[in-house]
Protein backbone atom coordinates (compact mmCIF):
# COMPACT_ATOMS: atom_id res chain seq x y z
CA MET A 1 18.46 10.71 18.77
CA THR A 2 17.35 10.42 15.15
CA LYS A 3 13.91 9.39 14.01
CA PRO A 4 13.83 5.97 12.27
CA ALA A 5 13.36 6.05 8.51
CA GLN A 6 9.79 5.68 7.41
CA ARG A 7 9.19 2.62 5.24
CA LYS A 8 7.33 3.52 2.05
CA ILE A 9 5.68 0.95 -0.20
CA TYR A 10 3.59 0.56 -3.32
CA LEU A 11 0.65 -1.74 -2.63
CA THR A 12 -1.26 -2.86 -5.71
CA ASP A 13 -4.73 -4.37 -5.50
CA VAL A 14 -5.09 -6.21 -8.81
CA GLU A 15 -8.84 -6.73 -8.35
CA LEU A 16 -9.50 -3.00 -7.94
CA ASP A 17 -6.87 -1.90 -10.49
CA LEU A 18 -5.45 0.50 -7.88
CA THR A 19 -1.98 1.18 -6.50
CA PHE A 20 -1.58 2.78 -3.08
CA PHE A 21 1.68 4.56 -2.25
CA GLY A 22 2.28 5.45 1.37
CA VAL A 23 4.09 5.06 4.67
CA VAL A 24 3.65 1.74 6.48
CA LYS A 25 1.89 2.16 9.82
CA PHE A 26 1.05 -1.53 10.26
CA ILE A 27 1.66 -4.68 8.25
CA LYS A 28 0.90 -8.31 9.04
CA GLU A 29 1.37 -11.09 6.55
CA THR A 30 0.21 -14.70 6.90
CA ASP A 31 0.37 -17.57 4.42
CA ALA A 32 -3.05 -16.63 3.06
CA GLU A 33 -3.57 -12.89 3.50
CA ILE A 34 -2.07 -9.46 4.01
CA ASN A 35 -3.31 -6.83 6.47
CA VAL A 36 -1.82 -3.36 5.88
CA THR A 37 -2.40 0.18 7.10
CA LEU A 38 -0.72 3.06 5.25
CA THR A 39 -0.56 6.77 6.05
CA ASP A 40 0.00 9.76 3.76
CA VAL A 41 -1.46 7.73 0.89
CA LYS A 42 -1.55 8.59 -2.80
CA VAL A 43 -3.79 6.44 -5.01
CA TYR A 44 -3.13 5.62 -8.68
CA GLU A 45 -4.95 3.62 -11.31
CA TYR A 46 -2.71 0.58 -11.74
CA SER A 47 -3.29 -0.02 -15.46
CA SER A 48 -2.53 3.58 -16.50
CA SER A 49 -0.48 4.90 -13.53
CA ASN A 50 -2.77 7.95 -13.48
CA TYR A 51 -2.93 9.78 -10.14
CA LEU A 52 -6.48 9.66 -8.72
CA TYR A 53 -6.57 11.09 -5.18
CA ALA A 54 -4.88 11.23 -1.76
CA MET A 55 -6.00 10.28 1.74
CA GLU A 56 -4.54 10.44 5.24
CA GLU A 57 -4.87 6.73 6.04
CA PHE A 58 -5.90 3.52 4.29
CA SER A 59 -6.32 -0.04 5.57
CA LEU A 60 -6.62 -3.23 3.55
CA LYS A 61 -7.03 -6.90 4.41
CA LYS A 62 -7.08 -9.21 1.41
CA PRO A 63 -5.83 -12.55 0.09
CA LYS A 64 -2.18 -12.49 -0.98
CA ALA A 65 -3.16 -13.70 -4.45
CA VAL A 66 -4.63 -10.30 -5.38
CA ILE A 67 -2.06 -8.03 -3.66
CA HIS A 68 1.43 -7.05 -4.77
CA ILE A 69 3.78 -5.11 -2.48
CA GLU A 70 6.92 -3.32 -3.66
CA GLU A 71 9.37 -1.28 -1.59
CA ALA A 72 9.65 2.36 -2.66
CA SER A 73 13.08 3.95 -2.90
């Protein structure tokens, strides 16, 4: 049996000017907000794309208006 492919995303928080790149552990989206937990996370400054730091896990719950999610290839 093969392990399912891990879904990787870029999650940008426009308010914080940060982009989080990681593996989706949990994601729930409603009409108003997004609740996401990522693992194996790398954090970048959104405006410059400069790498800042890494962390094992990150969770975020915010209004959809300030979050942008993009699938990583």
